Structures are given as structure tokens and as C-alpha cells.
């Protein structure tokens, strides 16, 4: 069943109004017909099973047939702080992070980040990444649309992460697989967890020390060196299974 998103204010007691890109996708791309059944999420914790009732003036009206809660979201909000990578790797990272349950992705400029962006380019890049996040949310049947935040400096990212319950720092020189497993088990019961991933070339030693002083937990992901586009996905996969339940 195709999935669409609507703001809570677009939902009345018995109908929902679909506008913008979702309307165009519904009518002109998927060519769904009056009477077809779709799923609509309000971007929070409710999902609606609806039938398409009407197309008119750039909007679709769908009638609510059933309302249910969603179990697509993890009990802990996961934020990925991703060291800005080269090329189009960020697109893949955003897509996969959304599929694996992240609610927020923050691109971070570190000392070893090769890419240099001015404000205009950074804004356009973030817009592109949010469109990818929306598409991935629909494909993976998320009930919320994860956000790709503005590009931050390393200092800004650490300050931002200071509001979270826990910050994980995968680091190639960290030791102790068993200790790392114990730290990862501690995410249960936390409301918010951040994952800090370096770019190609990893973190500078001073950056690691600064993160640890700010309360980050340093972990190892094993005895192999992972690429920047692999490391974050590995941690998110581990946390997804650690946090997931059958309810």
C-alpha cells in the first residue's frame, strides 16, 4: 500500500487533504484512482488507512477508514552526526540512516573533511538531502519524516549533542570489544542517542579528545577499518536491533 504524509492540521475528523509533491505523485506519477486505498501518516504517531475520494484544484481528498498507532519508530531518538564525506556518499548515508531508524542526520565539517561548501551550496545540499530523507521514509514505511539538519562545525555538533542522553564515538583506535558491547547495551531506556562518525581519514586525535571531554563514549566496531559510509550504518543497525521490540 502506498504511503503519504500530511501535516496534523490537514487531518479532519473524517478526511485528510494531500497537497504539493505528494498530490502530484499520487495523481500523476502513480496514477491512483478514486476508491484506491492508501496509508497516510501525520508525521507523529498516527497512521490512517484511507480511500481516495476526490481530486480537485491541486489537492487530493482522502477519506479516513481506520486509525492506528505506528510501531515503525524506535523508542529512542537516534541522531547521526556524519563527518562530511566526498562525492555523493552523503546521499546514500542519508537514505540508509532513515531506513535504519535515525530521526535526524547532521552533516558535520571536521578537520579532515575534504569538501568545502559556502552557505549557498550548503543550503542547496541540505534541501536535496531532505528530499532523499522523505523518499526513504515513504519507502521504509516510517511514520515520521527524519530531518537532515544544517551543516554544522565540529564544535557546534558537540554542543548540539550535549542535549542528548548519550553520544557514541566509534573510533578505530578504541580498544575492548566486550566493553563496547556493554556500552551499546546501555542505550535501552535512553530517550536520545547520538552517533558521531568521522569523514574519510577519520577524526583528528584532538577531536577525539574533545569529544571524550564532552561526555562521548568511545567504542570499537571490531578489528576492521570501516569506511565512513559503513561505520554509521553499522552502529545504527546494532542499535536498531538493540532497541526494537515486538509491540
Protein backbone atom coordinates (compact mmCIF):
# COMPACT_ATOMS: atom_id res chain seq x y z
CA UNK A 1 0.00 0.00 0.00
CA UNK A 2 1.38 3.41 -0.97
CA UNK A 3 2.30 5.76 1.88
CA UNK A 4 1.92 9.55 2.03
CA UNK A 5 2.47 12.22 4.67
CA UNK A 6 0.19 15.04 5.78
CA UNK A 7 0.55 17.68 8.47
CA UNK A 8 -1.72 17.14 11.51
CA UNK A 9 -3.72 20.28 10.60
CA UNK A 10 -4.59 18.66 7.23
CA UNK A 11 -6.44 15.88 9.07
CA UNK A 12 -10.08 16.47 9.97
CA UNK A 13 -12.40 14.07 11.75
CA UNK A 14 -13.12 12.07 8.60
CA UNK A 15 -10.90 13.30 5.74
CA UNK A 16 -7.31 14.31 5.01
CA UNK A 17 -6.09 16.79 2.41
CA UNK A 18 -2.99 15.81 0.40
CA UNK A 19 -1.19 18.63 -1.41
CA UNK A 20 2.14 19.51 -3.01
CA UNK A 21 4.54 16.83 -4.20
CA UNK A 22 2.57 14.03 -2.58
CA UNK A 23 -0.55 15.07 -4.51
CA UNK A 24 1.41 15.12 -7.77
CA UNK A 25 2.99 11.76 -7.00
CA UNK A 26 -0.38 10.25 -6.12
CA UNK A 27 -2.31 11.54 -9.14
CA UNK A 28 0.20 11.99 -11.94
CA UNK A 29 3.01 9.55 -11.19
CA UNK A 30 1.31 6.59 -9.51
CA UNK A 31 -1.99 7.39 -11.27
CA UNK A 32 -4.02 6.20 -8.32
CA UNK A 33 -7.75 6.25 -8.91
CA UNK A 34 -10.78 7.30 -6.90
CA UNK A 35 -11.52 4.48 -4.47
CA UNK A 36 -7.90 3.26 -4.21
CA UNK A 37 -6.60 2.62 -0.69
CA UNK A 38 -3.53 4.44 0.70
CA UNK A 39 -1.78 4.91 4.05
CA UNK A 40 -1.31 8.44 5.38
CA UNK A 41 0.94 9.35 8.33
CA UNK A 42 0.58 12.58 10.27
CA UNK A 43 4.34 12.69 10.90
CA UNK A 44 3.89 11.85 14.55
CA UNK A 45 2.48 8.61 15.90
CA UNK A 46 -0.74 8.10 13.94
CA UNK A 47 -1.39 6.32 10.68
CA UNK A 48 -4.60 6.43 8.69
CA UNK A 49 -5.93 3.85 6.26
CA UNK A 50 -7.76 5.94 3.65
CA UNK A 51 -9.55 5.72 0.33
CA UNK A 52 -9.11 8.39 -2.32
CA UNK A 53 -12.35 10.34 -2.54
CA UNK A 54 -11.64 13.32 -4.79
CA UNK A 55 -9.02 15.15 -6.89
CA UNK A 56 -9.57 18.88 -7.24
CA UNK A 57 -7.56 22.09 -7.67
CA UNK A 58 -4.13 20.68 -6.90
CA UNK A 59 -5.14 18.55 -3.96
CA UNK A 60 -6.50 15.13 -3.14
CA UNK A 61 -9.15 14.45 -0.53
CA UNK A 62 -8.90 11.03 1.09
CA UNK A 63 -11.49 9.58 3.46
CA UNK A 64 -10.30 8.02 6.71
CA UNK A 65 -11.39 4.39 7.02
CA UNK A 66 -9.28 3.39 10.03
CA UNK A 67 -6.84 4.96 12.51
CA UNK A 68 -4.00 3.12 14.16
CA UNK A 69 -0.78 3.78 16.03
CA UNK A 70 2.56 3.08 14.40
CA UNK A 71 5.25 0.66 15.55
CA UNK A 72 7.71 1.83 12.88
CA UNK A 73 9.58 4.16 15.23
CA UNK A 74 12.19 3.18 17.79
CA UNK A 75 11.65 4.13 21.46
CA UNK A 76 14.95 6.05 21.41
CA UNK A 77 15.56 9.00 19.09
CA UNK A 78 18.76 8.40 17.12
CA UNK A 79 20.78 11.30 15.67
CA UNK A 80 23.60 10.64 13.22
CA UNK A 81 26.36 13.27 13.24
CA UNK A 82 28.08 12.47 9.96
CA UNK A 83 31.52 13.83 9.10
CA UNK A 84 31.02 15.39 5.67
CA UNK A 85 32.15 12.85 3.02
CA UNK A 86 33.32 13.25 -0.54
CA UNK A 87 31.23 12.85 -3.68
CA UNK A 88 27.66 11.62 -3.43
CA UNK A 89 28.24 9.41 -0.38
CA UNK A 90 26.07 11.64 1.81
CA UNK A 91 23.02 10.78 -0.30
CA UNK A 92 23.48 7.07 0.38
CA UNK A 93 24.20 7.71 4.06
CA UNK A 94 21.00 9.75 4.49
CA UNK A 95 18.89 7.16 2.68
CA UNK A 96 20.20 4.23 4.71
CA UNK A 97 20.15 6.11 8.01
CA UNK A 98 16.44 6.82 7.51
CA UNK A 99 15.77 3.16 6.69
CA UNK A 100 17.59 2.12 9.89
CA UNK A 101 15.60 4.38 12.20
CA UNK A 102 17.51 7.66 12.58
CA UNK A 103 15.24 10.64 13.22
CA UNK A 104 17.88 13.25 12.45
CA UNK A 105 21.05 13.44 10.34
CA UNK A 106 23.52 16.28 10.89
CA UNK A 107 26.34 16.82 8.35
CA UNK A 108 29.49 17.90 10.21
CA UNK A 109 32.61 19.64 8.95
CA UNK A 110 35.69 18.24 10.68
CA UNK A 111 39.43 18.88 10.34
CA UNK A 112 39.78 16.08 7.80
CA UNK A 113 36.67 16.90 5.75
CA UNK A 114 37.81 17.43 2.17
CA UNK A 115 34.63 19.04 0.82
CA UNK A 116 34.32 22.82 1.21
CA UNK A 117 30.88 24.42 0.97
CA UNK A 118 29.79 28.02 1.02
CA UNK A 119 26.47 28.86 2.67
CA UNK A 120 24.52 28.80 -0.60
CA UNK A 121 25.86 25.39 -1.66
CA UNK A 122 25.34 24.00 1.84
CA UNK A 123 21.69 25.12 1.85
CA UNK A 124 21.00 23.52 -1.54
CA UNK A 125 22.71 20.32 -0.43
CA UNK A 126 20.58 20.12 2.71
CA UNK A 127 17.40 20.67 0.66
CA UNK A 128 18.44 17.80 -1.61
CA UNK A 129 19.19 15.57 1.39
CA UNK A 130 15.78 16.28 2.95
CA UNK A 131 14.08 15.24 -0.28
CA UNK A 132 16.02 11.97 -0.14
CA UNK A 133 15.02 11.53 3.52
CA UNK A 134 11.35 11.98 2.61
CA UNK A 135 11.57 9.41 -0.17
CA UNK A 136 13.35 6.94 2.12
CA UNK A 137 10.76 7.48 4.86
CA UNK A 138 7.98 6.55 2.45
CA UNK A 139 9.82 3.51 1.12
CA UNK A 140 10.65 2.16 4.60
CA UNK A 141 7.16 2.93 5.95
CA UNK A 142 8.35 5.34 8.61
CA UNK A 143 5.64 7.23 10.48
CA UNK A 144 7.82 10.35 10.80
CA UNK A 145 9.93 12.21 8.27
CA UNK A 146 13.53 12.33 9.55
CA UNK A 147 15.24 15.70 9.28
CA UNK A 148 18.58 16.48 7.67
CA UNK A 149 19.80 19.46 9.65
CA UNK A 150 22.07 22.30 8.54
CA UNK A 151 25.77 21.65 8.10
CA UNK A 152 27.50 22.21 11.45
CA UNK A 153 31.07 22.74 12.55
CA UNK A 154 32.54 20.10 14.85
CA UNK A 155 32.21 22.41 17.86
CA UNK A 156 28.55 23.12 17.00
CA UNK A 157 27.84 19.41 16.66
CA UNK A 158 29.30 18.65 20.10
CA UNK A 159 27.29 21.47 21.64
CA UNK A 160 24.16 20.18 19.90
CA UNK A 161 24.83 16.64 21.14
CA UNK A 162 25.15 17.93 24.69
CA UNK A 163 21.35 17.86 24.89
CA UNK A 164 21.22 14.11 24.22
CA UNK A 165 21.23 11.35 26.82
CA UNK A 166 24.21 9.61 25.22
CA UNK A 167 26.80 10.18 22.49
CA UNK A 168 28.66 7.28 20.86
CA UNK A 169 32.01 7.77 19.15
CA UNK A 170 33.17 4.82 17.02
CA UNK A 171 36.96 5.14 16.77
CA UNK A 172 39.44 2.86 15.03
CA UNK A 173 41.94 3.08 17.90
CA UNK A 174 39.41 2.26 20.61
CA UNK A 175 40.06 -0.99 22.43
CA UNK A 176 37.86 -3.58 24.07
CA UNK A 177 35.07 -5.22 22.06
CA UNK A 178 33.41 -6.51 25.22
CA UNK A 179 33.42 -3.04 26.79
CA UNK A 180 31.92 -1.60 23.60
CA UNK A 181 29.15 -4.21 23.71
CA UNK A 182 28.38 -3.20 27.30
CA UNK A 183 28.17 0.47 26.29
CA UNK A 184 25.86 -0.34 23.37
CA UNK A 185 23.57 -2.32 25.67
CA UNK A 186 23.16 0.84 27.76
CA UNK A 187 21.13 2.59 25.06
CA UNK A 188 17.96 0.86 26.30
CA UNK A 189 15.93 3.29 28.36
CA UNK A 190 17.64 6.33 26.87
CA UNK A 191 15.37 8.88 25.19
CA UNK A 192 18.02 10.19 22.80
CA UNK A 193 21.35 8.86 21.50
CA UNK A 194 23.82 10.45 19.09
CA UNK A 195 26.38 8.73 16.85
CA UNK A 196 29.46 10.72 15.85
CA UNK A 197 31.11 9.48 12.64
CA UNK A 198 34.29 10.84 11.11
CA UNK A 199 34.81 11.56 7.39
CA UNK A 200 37.31 9.77 5.16
CA UNK A 201 40.53 9.71 7.14
CA UNK A 202 38.69 9.62 10.45
CA UNK A 203 38.88 12.06 13.32
CA UNK A 204 41.88 14.08 14.33
CA UNK A 205 43.22 12.97 17.73
CA UNK A 206 42.39 16.36 19.23
CA UNK A 207 38.78 15.99 18.02
CA UNK A 208 38.53 12.61 19.74
CA UNK A 209 39.88 14.03 22.99
CA UNK A 210 37.45 16.97 22.81
CA UNK A 211 34.51 14.62 22.28
CA UNK A 212 35.53 12.47 25.24
CA UNK A 213 35.81 15.57 27.44
CA UNK A 214 32.25 16.41 26.36
CA UNK A 215 30.98 13.03 27.58
CA UNK A 216 31.16 10.89 24.45
CA UNK A 217 31.52 7.13 24.90
CA UNK A 218 34.31 5.74 22.70
CA UNK A 219 33.57 2.33 21.15
CA UNK A 220 35.17 -0.06 18.69
CA UNK A 221 33.26 -1.71 15.85
CA UNK A 222 35.68 -4.62 15.62
CA UNK A 223 39.09 -5.36 14.20
CA UNK A 224 38.46 -3.98 10.72
CA UNK A 225 38.63 -0.40 9.48
CA UNK A 226 35.23 0.67 8.14
CA UNK A 227 34.59 3.35 5.54
CA UNK A 228 32.74 6.46 6.66
CA UNK A 229 29.61 5.37 4.77
CA UNK A 230 29.74 1.96 6.50
CA UNK A 231 30.51 2.95 10.10
CA UNK A 232 27.32 4.88 10.80
CA UNK A 233 25.16 2.21 9.20
CA UNK A 234 26.85 -0.43 11.35
CA UNK A 235 26.09 1.41 14.59
CA UNK A 236 22.52 2.19 13.53
CA UNK A 237 21.95 -1.47 12.66
CA UNK A 238 23.25 -2.59 16.06
CA UNK A 239 21.11 -0.03 17.88
CA UNK A 240 18.02 -0.85 15.83
CA UNK A 241 18.15 -4.49 16.94
CA UNK A 242 19.07 -3.50 20.50
CA UNK A 243 16.05 -1.18 20.75
CA UNK A 244 13.49 -2.99 18.61
CA UNK A 245 10.67 -4.92 20.25
CA UNK A 246 7.63 -6.89 19.10
CA UNK A 247 4.98 -4.38 20.15
